[in-house]
Amino acid sequence: MSDAKMKQGKKKSKKRGHRAVFWLMTFLLMIVIFFLCFRLSYDYVIESMTEKLDESLLEIDPEEAVTVEIPLGSGTEVIASILKEKGIIENPFLFKLISKFEGYDGQYKSGVHTLKNGLTYRQVMKILATNPKQDQSIWVTIPEGYAYTQIADLLSEKGVVDRKKFDEVANNYDFDFDFIDDIPKDRKYRLEGYLFPDTYEFDPAAGEVAAINKMLTRFDEMITDKMYERMEEMDMTLDEVVILASIIEREAKVSEERPIISGVLHNRLNSKDKSMRKLQVDATIQYIYLNEQGRVKEVLLTEDTKIDNPYNTYLYEGLPPGPISCPGEDSLRAALYPEGDYLFYVLKEDGTGTHYFSKTYEEHLSAMDKASKNRKAQD
């Protein structure tokens, strides 16, 4: 065979080899594409079927909720990455493919969306393509000195709780705080005095347990180890401190007088004179009216001091059976750190909210006379 023919044969052999490799690669690529398309089609069909079978998945329980923030201007690729990172989806490529096929690209809304694990890709897309719900939080300020019923009414009016459910939970739910175990079981409102007054951010969807737990947690944070040590020094229980503080809260108009009013109450409680141990606090009478008539009677008459009720400190010695309000931090501290050796006080009636303090009954009568003159001058 000539050299020319040999070279020509080698060229043909090389061409056949290249074609074989080409067709082999093409065949393998087609197989890969086939299986990829099959898998994507399978996932898509299952996705569609699952969505039709379980539309209930769109109902998201607060405990299962996963918040996902979509930045302004985010494209499908960025959104898919965010969802993957949050554990909402497993396959970003499939998400992008379905999004394009379904026409969701460019339809997603920025903001904070609420999702959960277990949603189908199309359900996720449907949620993300709608405007996210605005923040449902409700801010409520619980004033110092509010009684349990006033707090319950306020939260109900603000749309935070259902009033009837609130009472049921407050009186019966097993909250995880040791101090609740020491509250007497026979009180009409178990948590009177323990719902700490403050400004709170409530989630109405969280329910009554969460709302109450938030206030009890704040109370628990307020009572420090040092305060417990002080209670031991004074031979007082936490409940007694709360009762005393609740009276101080309702009686004191000026914060600086809280420790002095506390001193008067302590001095009377520890007096050897039995009559002094009747605290004769108007706020306890007002609490009776609040519980029985749903209102606070601001101006009391002599006949009001004769109401036969355990909370009437004009008739009964010692502390009332329970707190008469929910005290703030200053009143709780004042209950533990009383000041002065006074036994009486009376509102000056001069518009300042301050009191005259007296050590003897004669001084007290004189102070009452001054207060009467001040009131007439104000009129």
Protein backbone atom coordinates (compact mmCIF):
# COMPACT_ATOMS: atom_id res chain seq x y z
CA MET A 1 0.00 0.00 0.00
CA SER A 2 1.32 3.41 -0.88
CA ASP A 3 2.03 6.08 1.74
CA ALA A 4 -0.76 8.27 0.32
CA LYS A 5 -3.37 5.55 0.76
CA MET A 6 -2.16 4.80 4.30
CA LYS A 7 -2.47 8.46 5.30
CA GLN A 8 -5.95 8.65 3.81
CA GLY A 9 -7.01 5.54 5.79
CA LYS A 10 -5.71 7.03 9.06
CA LYS A 11 -7.68 10.24 8.43
CA LYS A 12 -10.90 8.27 7.90
CA SER A 13 -10.24 6.28 11.07
CA LYS A 14 -9.73 9.48 13.10
CA LYS A 15 -12.95 10.97 11.74
CA ARG A 16 -14.87 7.84 12.66
CA GLY A 17 -13.36 8.00 16.18
CA HIS A 18 -14.34 11.64 16.67
CA ARG A 19 -17.87 10.93 15.48
CA ALA A 20 -18.17 8.03 17.88
CA VAL A 21 -17.03 10.17 20.80
CA PHE A 22 -19.40 12.96 19.69
CA TRP A 23 -22.40 10.65 19.51
CA LEU A 24 -21.47 9.01 22.81
CA MET A 25 -21.26 12.39 24.54
CA THR A 26 -24.49 13.49 22.93
CA PHE A 27 -26.20 10.30 24.06
CA LEU A 28 -24.95 10.70 27.63
CA LEU A 29 -26.00 14.37 27.67
CA MET A 30 -29.47 13.43 26.45
CA ILE A 31 -29.74 10.84 29.20
CA VAL A 32 -28.73 13.45 31.80
CA ILE A 33 -31.23 15.95 30.38
CA PHE A 34 -33.92 13.29 30.27
CA PHE A 35 -33.44 12.31 33.92
CA LEU A 36 -33.18 15.95 34.97
CA CYS A 37 -36.40 16.82 33.16
CA PHE A 38 -38.03 13.72 34.57
CA ARG A 39 -37.00 14.66 38.12
CA LEU A 40 -38.12 18.27 37.73
CA SER A 41 -41.39 17.18 36.16
CA TYR A 42 -41.92 14.65 38.94
CA ASP A 43 -41.21 17.25 41.63
CA TYR A 44 -43.50 19.71 39.89
CA VAL A 45 -46.36 17.22 39.62
CA ILE A 46 -45.95 16.18 43.25
CA GLU A 47 -45.78 19.88 44.18
CA SER A 48 -49.06 20.56 42.37
CA MET A 49 -50.80 17.51 43.80
CA THR A 50 -49.65 18.27 47.33
CA GLU A 51 -50.91 21.81 47.09
CA LYS A 52 -54.33 20.67 45.92
CA LEU A 53 -54.54 18.01 48.60
CA ASP A 54 -53.52 20.24 51.52
CA GLU A 55 -54.63 23.85 51.24
CA SER A 56 -54.83 23.86 55.06
CA LEU A 57 -51.07 24.29 55.13
CA LEU A 58 -51.64 27.97 54.31
CA GLU A 59 -53.05 28.38 57.83
CA ILE A 60 -49.98 29.19 59.87
CA ASP A 61 -50.00 28.63 63.62
CA PRO A 62 -47.99 31.27 65.55
CA GLU A 63 -45.86 28.54 67.12
CA GLU A 64 -44.86 27.20 63.68
CA ALA A 65 -44.32 30.58 62.06
CA VAL A 66 -41.03 31.43 60.37
CA THR A 67 -40.54 35.09 59.51
CA VAL A 68 -38.82 35.79 56.21
CA GLU A 69 -37.77 39.29 55.19
CA ILE A 70 -37.62 40.00 51.47
CA PRO A 71 -35.47 43.09 50.76
CA LEU A 72 -36.83 45.70 48.36
CA GLY A 73 -35.89 44.92 44.75
CA SER A 74 -34.98 41.26 45.37
CA GLY A 75 -35.11 38.98 42.33
CA THR A 76 -36.21 35.34 42.31
CA GLU A 77 -32.63 34.07 42.66
CA VAL A 78 -32.02 36.13 45.82
CA ILE A 79 -35.41 35.12 47.24
CA ALA A 80 -34.70 31.44 46.56
CA SER A 81 -31.40 31.74 48.45
CA ILE A 82 -33.14 33.39 51.42
CA LEU A 83 -35.78 30.66 51.50
CA LYS A 84 -33.12 27.96 51.31
CA GLU A 85 -31.22 29.56 54.19
CA LYS A 86 -34.41 29.73 56.29
CA GLY A 87 -35.14 26.06 55.61
CA ILE A 88 -38.39 26.80 53.77
CA ILE A 89 -37.27 25.18 50.48
CA GLU A 90 -34.68 22.54 49.58
CA ASN A 91 -34.12 23.17 45.88
CA PRO A 92 -33.52 26.81 44.83
CA PHE A 93 -33.21 25.79 41.16
CA LEU A 94 -36.62 24.11 41.18
CA PHE A 95 -38.09 27.14 42.94
CA LYS A 96 -36.72 29.45 40.23
CA LEU A 97 -37.97 27.14 37.48
CA ILE A 98 -41.52 26.93 38.88
CA SER A 99 -41.54 30.65 39.62
CA LYS A 100 -40.72 31.44 35.99
CA PHE A 101 -43.15 28.85 34.61
CA GLU A 102 -46.00 30.08 36.85
CA GLY A 103 -45.35 33.74 36.11
CA TYR A 104 -44.40 34.73 39.64
CA ASP A 105 -41.09 36.34 38.66
CA GLY A 106 -41.28 40.05 39.43
CA GLN A 107 -44.47 39.63 41.48
CA TYR A 108 -42.92 39.09 44.90
CA LYS A 109 -43.56 41.77 47.55
CA SER A 110 -40.82 43.12 49.79
CA GLY A 111 -41.28 43.12 53.56
CA VAL A 112 -41.59 40.61 56.37
CA HIS A 113 -43.68 37.54 55.45
CA THR A 114 -44.86 34.74 57.72
CA LEU A 115 -44.18 31.22 56.41
CA LYS A 116 -43.64 27.78 57.89
CA ASN A 117 -41.89 24.54 57.06
CA GLY A 118 -43.92 22.10 54.98
CA LEU A 119 -45.41 24.59 52.53
CA THR A 120 -45.24 23.65 48.85
CA TYR A 121 -43.19 25.87 46.55
CA ARG A 122 -46.31 27.27 44.90
CA GLN A 123 -47.85 28.03 48.30
CA VAL A 124 -44.69 29.89 49.28
CA MET A 125 -44.85 31.84 46.01
CA LYS A 126 -48.51 32.65 46.59
CA ILE A 127 -47.77 34.06 50.03
CA LEU A 128 -44.71 36.03 48.89
CA ALA A 129 -46.67 37.53 46.00
CA THR A 130 -49.18 39.12 48.39
CA ASN A 131 -48.50 42.17 50.52
CA PRO A 132 -47.13 41.10 53.92
CA LYS A 133 -49.37 41.68 56.91
CA GLN A 134 -48.57 44.81 58.84
CA ASP A 135 -47.15 44.48 62.35
CA GLN A 136 -50.02 43.32 64.56
CA SER A 137 -48.33 44.30 67.82
CA ILE A 138 -50.34 46.40 70.25
CA TRP A 139 -48.54 48.64 72.73
CA VAL A 140 -50.32 49.11 76.05
CA THR A 141 -49.24 51.05 79.13
CA ILE A 142 -50.48 49.57 82.42
CA PRO A 143 -50.59 52.47 84.89
CA GLU A 144 -49.17 51.97 88.37
CA GLY A 145 -51.96 51.42 90.87
CA TYR A 146 -54.40 49.80 88.45
CA ALA A 147 -56.31 46.92 89.99
CA TYR A 148 -56.66 43.54 88.30
CA THR A 149 -60.12 44.30 86.88
CA GLN A 150 -58.93 47.61 85.45
CA ILE A 151 -55.98 45.90 83.74
CA ALA A 152 -58.22 43.16 82.35
CA ASP A 153 -60.70 45.72 81.04
CA LEU A 154 -57.93 47.81 79.47
CA LEU A 155 -56.37 44.85 77.65
CA SER A 156 -59.79 43.75 76.45
CA GLU A 157 -60.61 47.24 75.15
CA LYS A 158 -57.28 47.38 73.31
CA GLY A 159 -58.02 44.07 71.60
CA VAL A 160 -55.19 42.18 73.30
CA VAL A 161 -57.31 39.59 75.15
CA ASP A 162 -60.77 38.16 75.47
CA ARG A 163 -62.08 39.36 78.85
CA LYS A 164 -63.74 36.10 79.88
CA LYS A 165 -60.76 33.97 78.83
CA PHE A 166 -58.42 36.37 80.62
CA ASP A 167 -60.19 35.77 83.95
CA GLU A 168 -60.19 32.01 83.41
CA VAL A 169 -56.47 31.90 82.64
CA ALA A 170 -55.49 34.34 85.39
CA ASN A 171 -57.26 32.34 88.08
CA ASN A 172 -56.54 28.79 86.94
CA TYR A 173 -53.57 28.48 84.58
CA ASP A 174 -50.44 26.84 86.01
CA PHE A 175 -47.86 29.59 85.44
CA ASP A 176 -44.24 28.61 86.04
CA PHE A 177 -43.42 31.04 88.87
CA ASP A 178 -42.70 29.96 92.43
CA PHE A 179 -44.32 33.04 93.98
CA ILE A 180 -47.73 32.06 92.60
CA ASP A 181 -47.71 28.92 94.74
CA ASP A 182 -47.67 31.12 97.85
CA ILE A 183 -50.74 33.15 96.89
CA PRO A 184 -53.80 32.13 98.96
CA LYS A 185 -56.24 30.06 96.94
CA ASP A 186 -59.40 31.80 98.16
CA ARG A 187 -58.80 35.19 96.51
CA LYS A 188 -61.34 36.38 93.98
CA TYR A 189 -58.55 37.56 91.69
CA ARG A 190 -55.52 35.36 92.19
CA LEU A 191 -53.05 37.65 90.38
CA GLU A 192 -54.15 40.93 91.95
CA GLY A 193 -50.95 42.83 92.75
CA TYR A 194 -48.71 40.64 90.58
CA LEU A 195 -49.42 41.98 87.08
CA PHE A 196 -46.54 44.42 86.95
CA PRO A 197 -47.44 47.89 85.62
CA ASP A 198 -45.30 48.85 82.64
CA THR A 199 -45.48 49.52 78.90
CA TYR A 200 -45.76 46.27 76.96
CA GLU A 201 -45.81 45.14 73.35
CA PHE A 202 -48.53 42.50 73.05
CA ASP A 203 -49.29 40.15 70.19
CA PRO A 204 -53.08 39.59 70.14
CA ALA A 205 -52.59 36.32 68.28
CA ALA A 206 -50.45 34.96 71.12
CA GLY A 207 -53.43 34.71 73.48
CA GLU A 208 -54.19 35.34 77.14
CA VAL A 209 -51.51 33.06 78.60
CA ALA A 210 -48.76 34.91 76.74
CA ALA A 211 -50.09 38.34 77.77
CA ILE A 212 -50.28 37.43 81.46
CA ASN A 213 -46.95 35.62 81.37
CA LYS A 214 -45.31 38.77 80.03
CA MET A 215 -46.50 40.81 83.03
CA LEU A 216 -45.64 38.09 85.55
CA THR A 217 -42.16 37.77 84.05
CA ARG A 218 -41.64 41.50 84.51
CA PHE A 219 -42.76 41.22 88.14
CA ASP A 220 -40.38 38.30 88.72
CA GLU A 221 -37.50 40.32 87.24
CA MET A 222 -38.32 43.23 89.53
CA ILE A 223 -38.05 41.25 92.77
CA THR A 224 -34.31 40.95 93.28
CA ASP A 225 -32.35 38.66 95.60
CA LYS A 226 -31.55 41.70 97.74
CA MET A 227 -35.27 42.38 98.14
CA TYR A 228 -35.87 38.78 99.24
CA GLU A 229 -33.08 39.17 101.80
CA ARG A 230 -34.71 42.33 103.07
CA MET A 231 -38.03 40.48 103.44
CA GLU A 232 -36.33 37.93 105.67
CA GLU A 233 -34.84 40.71 107.78
CA MET A 234 -38.30 42.24 108.23
CA ASP A 235 -39.99 38.85 108.74
CA MET A 236 -42.36 39.53 105.84
CA THR A 237 -43.54 37.29 103.03
CA LEU A 238 -43.55 38.45 99.42
CA ASP A 239 -47.33 38.46 99.48
CA GLU A 240 -47.38 40.75 102.52
CA VAL A 241 -44.94 43.09 100.80
CA VAL A 242 -47.14 43.19 97.69
CA ILE A 243 -50.25 43.92 99.79
CA LEU A 244 -48.50 46.75 101.63
CA ALA A 245 -47.01 48.12 98.40
CA SER A 246 -50.44 48.07 96.75
CA ILE A 247 -51.78 50.32 99.52
CA ILE A 248 -48.80 52.67 99.25
CA GLU A 249 -49.33 52.84 95.48
CA ARG A 250 -52.94 53.94 95.86
CA GLU A 251 -52.31 56.35 98.75
CA ALA A 252 -49.16 58.15 97.59
CA LYS A 253 -49.64 60.98 95.13
CA VAL A 254 -46.01 62.09 95.20
CA SER A 255 -43.24 59.53 94.76
CA GLU A 256 -41.04 61.08 97.49
CA GLU A 257 -43.73 60.38 100.10
CA ARG A 258 -43.97 56.64 99.43
CA PRO A 259 -41.34 55.64 102.05
CA ILE A 260 -42.96 57.95 104.63
CA ILE A 261 -46.44 56.54 104.02
CA SER A 262 -44.85 53.10 104.25
CA GLY A 263 -43.39 54.15 107.61
CA VAL A 264 -46.83 55.17 108.90
CA LEU A 265 -48.32 51.83 107.89
CA HIS A 266 -45.45 49.82 109.40
CA ASN A 267 -45.59 51.82 112.62
CA ARG A 268 -49.32 51.25 112.98
CA LEU A 269 -49.06 47.53 112.18
CA ASN A 270 -46.35 47.10 114.84
CA SER A 271 -48.04 49.33 117.44
CA LYS A 272 -48.90 47.95 120.87
CA ASP A 273 -52.07 50.03 120.72
CA LYS A 274 -54.66 47.72 119.17
CA SER A 275 -56.65 50.62 117.69
CA MET A 276 -53.58 51.75 115.76
CA ARG A 277 -53.45 48.41 113.97
CA LYS A 278 -56.60 49.42 112.10
CA LEU A 279 -54.88 51.17 109.24
CA GLN A 280 -57.93 53.27 108.28
CA VAL A 281 -56.88 53.58 104.63
CA ASP A 282 -59.46 55.10 102.28
CA ALA A 283 -58.01 53.22 99.29
CA THR A 284 -59.16 49.91 100.76
CA ILE A 285 -62.76 51.19 100.84
CA GLN A 286 -62.43 52.36 97.26
CA TYR A 287 -61.22 48.88 96.31
CA ILE A 288 -64.39 47.40 97.78
CA TYR A 289 -66.49 49.70 95.61
CA LEU A 290 -64.39 48.85 92.54
CA ASN A 291 -64.96 45.12 93.01
CA GLU A 292 -68.63 45.34 93.95
CA GLN A 293 -69.81 48.17 91.71
CA GLY A 294 -67.12 48.35 89.05
CA ARG A 295 -66.11 51.90 89.93
CA VAL A 296 -63.88 53.80 92.35
CA LYS A 297 -65.79 56.09 94.71
CA GLU A 298 -63.48 59.10 94.97
CA VAL A 299 -65.26 60.94 97.81
CA LEU A 300 -65.99 58.68 100.78
CA LEU A 301 -68.53 59.32 103.51
CA THR A 302 -68.45 58.22 107.14
CA GLU A 303 -71.02 55.54 106.37
CA ASP A 304 -68.62 54.03 103.80
CA THR A 305 -66.12 53.28 106.56
CA LYS A 306 -68.71 51.02 108.20
CA ILE A 307 -69.04 48.58 105.29
CA ASP A 308 -68.61 45.07 106.67
CA ASN A 309 -65.95 43.72 104.35
CA PRO A 310 -62.57 42.11 105.19
CA TYR A 311 -60.88 44.77 103.03
CA ASN A 312 -62.29 47.56 105.20
CA THR A 313 -59.24 48.66 107.22
CA TYR A 314 -61.45 50.94 109.33
CA LEU A 315 -63.12 47.84 110.82
CA TYR A 316 -60.46 45.13 110.56
CA GLU A 317 -56.97 45.12 112.00
CA GLY A 318 -53.80 44.52 110.04
CA LEU A 319 -53.32 44.20 106.33
CA PRO A 320 -56.33 43.45 104.10
CA PRO A 321 -56.68 39.84 102.82
CA GLY A 322 -54.98 40.68 99.52
CA PRO A 323 -53.50 43.45 97.37
CA ILE A 324 -55.78 46.30 96.30
CA SER A 325 -53.79 47.26 93.19
CA CYS A 326 -50.76 46.31 91.15
CA PRO A 327 -47.86 48.33 92.57
CA GLY A 328 -44.85 49.66 90.70
CA GLU A 329 -41.18 49.44 91.58
CA ASP A 330 -41.07 52.52 93.85
CA SER A 331 -43.94 51.29 96.02
CA LEU A 332 -42.47 47.79 96.31
CA ARG A 333 -39.17 49.26 97.49
CA ALA A 334 -40.95 51.68 99.81
CA ALA A 335 -42.75 48.76 101.45
CA LEU A 336 -39.35 47.27 102.29
CA TYR A 337 -37.64 50.50 103.34
CA PRO A 338 -40.05 52.56 105.47
CA GLU A 339 -39.05 55.96 106.84
CA GLY A 340 -40.14 58.13 109.78
CA ASP A 341 -41.91 57.62 113.10
CA TYR A 342 -45.28 59.04 112.10
CA LEU A 343 -48.61 57.38 112.86
CA PHE A 344 -51.03 59.53 110.84
CA TYR A 345 -51.26 61.35 107.53
CA VAL A 346 -53.88 63.38 105.72
CA LEU A 347 -53.96 64.90 102.22
CA LYS A 348 -53.18 68.62 102.36
CA GLU A 349 -55.97 69.41 99.87
CA ASP A 350 -53.89 72.25 98.41
CA GLY A 351 -53.50 70.83 94.94
CA THR A 352 -49.95 69.54 95.49
CA GLY A 353 -50.92 65.92 96.18
CA THR A 354 -48.74 65.94 99.32
CA HIS A 355 -49.72 65.02 102.89
CA TYR A 356 -49.42 66.32 106.43
CA PHE A 357 -47.72 63.69 108.63
CA SER A 358 -48.30 63.53 112.38
CA LYS A 359 -46.92 61.61 115.35
CA THR A 360 -49.86 62.11 117.71
CA TYR A 361 -53.62 62.17 117.32
CA GLU A 362 -53.73 65.80 118.47
CA GLU A 363 -51.29 66.78 115.73
CA HIS A 364 -53.40 64.80 113.29
CA LEU A 365 -56.56 66.70 114.25
CA SER A 366 -54.71 69.97 113.69
CA ALA A 367 -53.48 68.74 110.31
CA MET A 368 -57.03 67.78 109.34
CA ASP A 369 -58.18 71.28 110.22
CA LYS A 370 -55.47 72.76 107.97
CA ALA A 371 -56.49 70.44 105.15
CA SER A 372 -60.12 71.54 105.54
CA LYS A 373 -59.13 75.20 105.28
CA ASN A 374 -56.98 74.45 102.23
CA ARG A 375 -59.90 72.73 100.54
CA LYS A 376 -62.18 75.71 101.15
CA ALA A 377 -59.50 78.02 99.80
CA GLN A 378 -59.26 75.87 96.67
CA ASP A 379 -63.02 76.10 96.17
